[in-house]
């Protein structure tokens, strides 16, 4: 994202050309100390004004590129390091800590579109703990790894649904609880945004399923209970009763049988 943004010639592969940097000998102070110098313009049109040590930007300074991008903040040994603000030409802005020309530490990245991330960075990537918001009201707060949501987090969508639990590589993955805006709730295991493994699903009217899931469908062994006392405890496939099971009626009477695609056959 930021790699090379602060090189003098303005490109990702650009380097400082020593012969173009004003010589420290032209100034009264020793080149061992930080010096405030006049604006210096590079051949490609980018310019820097601020502090130097010898032929390297060091201290506080501002650099502006021909395309309008600009960085203002702290420098160390000719690289953005410390606290600074970088404004991209598309309107995106990063404001925070830098190390070795990269966003590193605590910082805020605001997109021109209105989305925003505030939190930890490592080597130009979201890494650690952070909070991300979107213009429609959606919000994520939690862990990041190498620029992706990974670890524990809470995501709230604009439609009122939410998820709290484990993420991996931006996917809901692991153990967690998902709540829909219509009061349905699933709590259990996930695999790449799908209910997978063992979980518990509740409906607002009191219905409850506890058991296995495969690819968002009830599968394996599970129990479905109705608010009136009825229940089915047995095998499932593709979201339907399939195989051997036990049905309990409202009186508590149990009936053993076999089901095929949701229909009792024996």
Protein backbone atom coordinates (compact mmCIF):
# COMPACT_ATOMS: atom_id res chain seq x y z
CA UNK A 1 0.00 0.00 0.00
CA UNK A 2 2.70 2.44 1.01
CA UNK A 3 5.91 0.76 -0.14
CA UNK A 4 8.12 3.29 -1.86
CA UNK A 5 5.69 6.14 -1.32
CA UNK A 6 8.33 8.34 0.20
CA UNK A 7 11.22 7.75 -2.22
CA UNK A 8 12.41 11.00 -3.68
CA UNK A 9 11.82 10.23 -7.35
CA UNK A 10 8.17 9.38 -6.82
CA UNK A 11 8.00 5.73 -7.90
CA UNK A 12 8.02 2.42 -6.05
CA UNK A 13 11.52 1.71 -7.33
CA UNK A 14 12.85 5.22 -6.95
CA UNK A 15 15.93 6.03 -4.89
CA UNK A 16 17.52 9.20 -3.61
CA UNK A 17 20.12 10.53 -6.04
CA UNK A 18 22.85 11.88 -3.79
CA UNK A 19 24.16 14.40 -6.29
CA UNK A 20 20.75 16.08 -6.37
CA UNK A 21 20.52 16.58 -2.61
CA UNK A 22 21.76 19.94 -1.27
CA UNK A 23 25.18 19.56 0.31
CA UNK A 24 25.42 20.01 4.06
CA UNK A 25 28.60 22.04 3.49
CA UNK A 26 26.43 24.89 2.22
CA UNK A 27 24.95 25.38 5.68
CA UNK A 28 26.37 26.78 8.89
CA UNK A 29 25.72 23.78 11.15
CA UNK A 30 27.76 20.62 11.19
CA UNK A 31 26.38 17.85 8.97
CA UNK A 32 26.28 15.67 12.09
CA UNK A 33 23.22 17.63 13.31
CA UNK A 34 19.69 18.11 12.08
CA UNK A 35 19.35 21.09 9.76
CA UNK A 36 16.32 22.96 8.51
CA UNK A 37 16.90 23.73 4.82
CA UNK A 38 15.06 25.48 1.99
CA UNK A 39 12.72 23.66 -0.36
CA UNK A 40 14.47 21.17 -2.61
CA UNK A 41 12.98 20.17 -5.97
CA UNK A 42 13.82 16.86 -7.69
CA UNK A 43 14.14 16.46 -11.49
CA UNK A 44 10.77 14.70 -11.76
CA UNK A 45 8.98 17.63 -10.11
CA UNK A 46 8.54 16.23 -6.62
CA UNK A 47 9.81 18.43 -3.84
CA UNK A 48 10.79 18.23 -0.18
CA UNK A 49 11.05 20.86 2.48
CA UNK A 50 12.10 20.19 6.03
CA UNK A 51 14.95 18.83 8.07
CA UNK A 52 18.06 16.92 6.97
CA UNK A 53 21.11 15.22 8.36
CA UNK A 54 23.81 15.34 5.75
CA UNK A 55 22.26 14.22 2.46
CA UNK A 56 19.32 12.41 4.06
CA UNK A 57 15.88 13.59 5.06
CA UNK A 58 15.82 13.34 8.84
CA UNK A 59 13.51 15.03 11.32
CA UNK A 60 10.25 16.68 10.28
CA UNK A 61 9.47 17.36 6.66
CA UNK A 62 6.97 17.53 3.83
CA UNK A 63 7.30 15.84 0.45
CA UNK A 64 4.91 16.36 -2.44
CA UNK A 65 4.84 14.34 -5.69
CA UNK A 66 3.87 15.61 -9.16
CA UNK A 67 0.63 13.59 -9.08
CA UNK A 68 -0.47 15.39 -5.90
CA UNK A 69 0.37 12.70 -3.34
CA UNK A 70 1.98 14.10 -0.21
CA UNK A 71 3.59 12.97 3.02
CA UNK A 72 4.15 15.19 6.01
CA UNK A 73 5.68 13.96 9.20
CA UNK A 74 8.79 12.46 10.69
CA UNK A 75 11.74 11.06 8.76
CA UNK A 76 14.68 8.94 9.82
CA UNK A 77 17.68 8.17 7.65
CA UNK A 78 15.83 9.21 4.47
CA UNK A 79 12.70 7.14 5.18
CA UNK A 80 9.29 7.95 6.63
CA UNK A 81 9.60 6.90 10.25
CA UNK A 82 7.78 8.09 13.34
CA UNK A 83 4.41 9.83 13.05
CA UNK A 84 3.17 11.11 9.71
CA UNK A 85 0.30 11.63 7.31
CA UNK A 86 0.19 10.38 3.72
CA UNK A 87 -2.48 11.67 1.34
CA UNK A 88 -3.11 9.56 -1.76
CA UNK A 89 -4.17 11.08 -5.04
CA UNK A 90 -7.50 9.22 -4.91
CA UNK A 91 -8.41 10.92 -1.64
CA UNK A 92 -7.43 8.08 0.72
CA UNK A 93 -5.45 9.19 3.78
CA UNK A 94 -3.26 7.32 6.26
CA UNK A 95 -2.40 9.10 9.48
CA UNK A 96 -0.29 7.37 12.11
CA UNK A 97 2.94 5.57 12.85
CA UNK A 98 5.58 4.71 10.25
CA UNK A 99 8.68 2.55 10.17
CA UNK A 100 11.05 2.15 7.24
CA UNK A 101 8.64 3.84 4.76
CA UNK A 102 5.72 1.63 5.83
CA UNK A 103 2.63 2.02 8.00
CA UNK A 104 3.71 0.32 11.20
CA UNK A 105 2.32 0.76 14.71
CA UNK A 106 -0.93 2.62 15.39
CA UNK A 107 -2.73 4.40 12.60
CA UNK A 108 -5.94 5.35 10.83
CA UNK A 109 -6.66 4.76 7.14
CA UNK A 110 -9.62 6.72 5.79
CA UNK A 111 -10.91 5.84 2.31
CA UNK A 112 -12.41 8.51 0.10
CA UNK A 113 -15.47 6.25 -0.15
CA UNK A 114 -16.13 6.74 3.57
CA UNK A 115 -14.88 3.44 4.96
CA UNK A 116 -12.29 3.68 7.70
CA UNK A 117 -9.83 1.50 9.62
CA UNK A 118 -8.26 2.46 12.92
CA UNK A 119 -5.88 0.22 14.78
CA UNK A 120 -2.63 -1.71 14.56
CA UNK A 121 -0.37 -1.99 11.49
CA UNK A 122 2.68 -4.04 10.61
CA UNK A 123 4.66 -3.62 7.38
CA UNK A 124 1.87 -1.73 5.57
CA UNK A 125 -0.83 -4.22 6.58
CA UNK A 126 -3.55 -4.25 9.21
CA UNK A 127 -2.12 -6.52 11.88
CA UNK A 128 -3.13 -6.80 15.50
CA UNK A 129 -6.35 -5.26 16.80
CA UNK A 130 -8.46 -2.75 14.95
CA UNK A 131 -11.84 -1.31 14.09
CA UNK A 132 -13.25 -0.95 10.60
CA UNK A 133 -16.41 0.95 9.64
CA UNK A 134 -18.35 1.44 6.39
CA UNK A 135 -20.66 4.24 5.18
CA UNK A 136 -23.75 2.01 5.40
CA UNK A 137 -23.21 1.54 9.15
CA UNK A 138 -21.51 -1.86 9.06
CA UNK A 139 -18.72 -2.28 11.59
CA UNK A 140 -16.02 -4.80 12.46
CA UNK A 141 -13.97 -4.78 15.65
CA UNK A 142 -11.38 -7.42 16.35
CA UNK A 143 -8.17 -9.11 15.28
CA UNK A 144 -6.28 -8.81 12.00
CA UNK A 145 -3.37 -10.76 10.57
CA UNK A 146 -1.39 -9.70 7.49
CA UNK A 147 -4.18 -7.39 6.34
CA UNK A 148 -7.05 -9.84 6.84
CA UNK A 149 -9.60 -10.36 9.59
CA UNK A 150 -8.20 -13.31 11.54
CA UNK A 151 -8.71 -14.29 15.16
CA UNK A 152 -11.52 -13.11 17.42
CA UNK A 153 -13.86 -10.42 16.20
CA UNK A 154 -17.34 -8.91 16.11
CA UNK A 155 -18.99 -7.91 12.83
CA UNK A 156 -22.28 -5.98 12.76
CA UNK A 157 -24.00 -5.52 9.39
CA UNK A 158 -26.23 -2.64 8.34
CA UNK A 159 -29.28 -4.94 8.16
CA UNK A 160 -29.09 -5.69 11.90
CA UNK A 161 -27.43 -9.10 11.71
CA UNK A 162 -24.18 -9.71 13.57
CA UNK A 163 -21.50 -12.30 14.21
CA UNK A 164 -19.18 -12.70 17.16
CA UNK A 165 -16.46 -15.32 17.14
CA UNK A 166 -13.53 -16.58 15.11
CA UNK A 167 -12.38 -15.35 11.71
CA UNK A 168 -9.71 -16.62 9.36
CA UNK A 169 -8.50 -14.81 6.23
CA UNK A 170 -11.58 -12.54 6.21
CA UNK A 171 -13.98 -15.50 6.51
CA UNK A 172 -16.18 -16.56 9.40
CA UNK A 173 -14.26 -19.66 10.40
CA UNK A 174 -14.09 -21.57 13.67
CA UNK A 175 -16.47 -21.20 16.60
CA UNK A 176 -18.91 -18.32 16.75
CA UNK A 177 -22.41 -16.95 17.14
CA UNK A 178 -24.41 -15.44 14.26
CA UNK A 179 -27.60 -13.49 14.96
CA UNK A 180 -30.06 -12.48 12.22
CA UNK A 181 -32.29 -9.42 12.36
CA UNK A 182 -35.37 -11.70 12.59
CA UNK A 183 -34.07 -13.11 15.91
CA UNK A 184 -32.74 -16.39 14.52
CA UNK A 185 -29.48 -17.40 16.18
CA UNK A 186 -26.87 -19.99 15.27
CA UNK A 187 -24.06 -20.78 17.66
CA UNK A 188 -21.46 -23.36 16.75
CA UNK A 189 -18.79 -24.24 14.25
CA UNK A 190 -18.14 -22.54 10.90
CA UNK A 191 -16.04 -23.25 7.84
CA UNK A 192 -15.45 -20.42 5.34
CA UNK A 193 -18.70 -18.59 6.08
CA UNK A 194 -20.82 -21.76 6.24
CA UNK A 195 -22.27 -23.63 9.20
CA UNK A 196 -20.14 -26.73 9.37
CA UNK A 197 -19.64 -29.13 12.26
CA UNK A 198 -21.73 -29.09 15.44
CA UNK A 199 -24.02 -26.23 16.36
CA UNK A 200 -27.22 -24.97 17.87
CA UNK A 201 -29.87 -23.06 15.87
CA UNK A 202 -32.74 -21.21 17.58
CA UNK A 203 -35.81 -19.57 16.07
CA UNK A 204 -37.78 -16.70 17.58
CA UNK A 205 -40.84 -18.93 18.04
CA UNK A 206 -38.90 -21.35 20.25
CA UNK A 207 -37.90 -24.03 17.74
CA UNK A 208 -34.47 -25.46 18.37
CA UNK A 209 -32.04 -27.68 16.49
CA UNK A 210 -28.90 -29.09 18.08
CA UNK A 211 -26.58 -31.26 16.04
CA UNK A 212 -24.44 -31.61 12.96
CA UNK A 213 -24.16 -29.31 9.94
CA UNK A 214 -22.55 -29.73 6.54
CA UNK A 215 -22.45 -26.86 4.06
CA UNK A 216 -25.15 -24.86 5.93
CA UNK A 217 -27.49 -27.87 6.06
CA UNK A 218 -28.48 -30.10 8.96
CA UNK A 219 -26.56 -33.34 8.49
CA UNK A 220 -25.47 -36.27 10.62
CA UNK A 221 -26.92 -36.69 14.10
CA UNK A 222 -29.21 -34.00 15.47
CA UNK A 223 -32.28 -33.15 17.50
CA UNK A 224 -35.07 -30.78 16.44
CA UNK A 225 -37.52 -29.58 19.09
CA UNK A 226 -40.81 -27.72 18.69
CA UNK A 227 -42.28 -25.32 21.28
CA UNK A 228 -45.28 -27.62 21.81
CA UNK A 229 -43.10 -30.45 23.09
CA UNK A 230 -42.65 -32.46 19.91
CA UNK A 231 -39.14 -33.54 18.97
CA UNK A 232 -37.18 -35.54 16.42
CA UNK A 233 -33.84 -37.02 17.44
CA UNK A 234 -31.97 -38.90 14.77
CA UNK A 235 -30.16 -38.75 11.46
CA UNK A 236 -30.26 -35.90 8.93
CA UNK A 237 -29.05 -35.29 5.38
CA UNK A 238 -29.33 -32.18 3.27
CA UNK A 239 -31.39 -30.38 5.91
CA UNK A 240 -34.03 -33.13 6.20
CA UNK A 241 -34.67 -36.11 8.46
CA UNK A 242 -32.98 -39.01 6.71
CA UNK A 243 -32.18 -42.36 8.29
CA UNK A 244 -33.11 -43.74 11.69
CA UNK A 245 -34.64 -41.55 14.36
CA UNK A 246 -37.03 -41.18 17.25
CA UNK A 247 -40.08 -38.92 17.14
CA UNK A 248 -41.60 -37.72 20.41
CA UNK A 249 -45.18 -36.38 20.36
CA UNK A 250 -46.76 -33.77 22.60
CA UNK A 251 -47.68 -36.44 25.14
CA UNK A 252 -44.10 -37.56 25.46
CA UNK A 253 -44.67 -40.80 23.57
CA UNK A 254 -41.72 -42.00 21.51
CA UNK A 255 -41.92 -43.63 18.10
CA UNK A 256 -38.86 -45.19 16.51
CA UNK A 257 -38.68 -45.27 12.75
CA UNK A 258 -36.83 -44.49 9.56
CA UNK A 259 -37.06 -41.38 7.41
CA UNK A 260 -36.25 -40.65 3.78
CA UNK A 261 -35.76 -37.03 2.65
CA UNK A 262 -38.01 -35.74 5.41
CA UNK A 263 -40.72 -38.41 5.14
CA UNK A 264 -41.23 -41.27 7.54
CA UNK A 265 -41.13 -44.60 5.70
CA UNK A 266 -41.29 -47.05 8.62
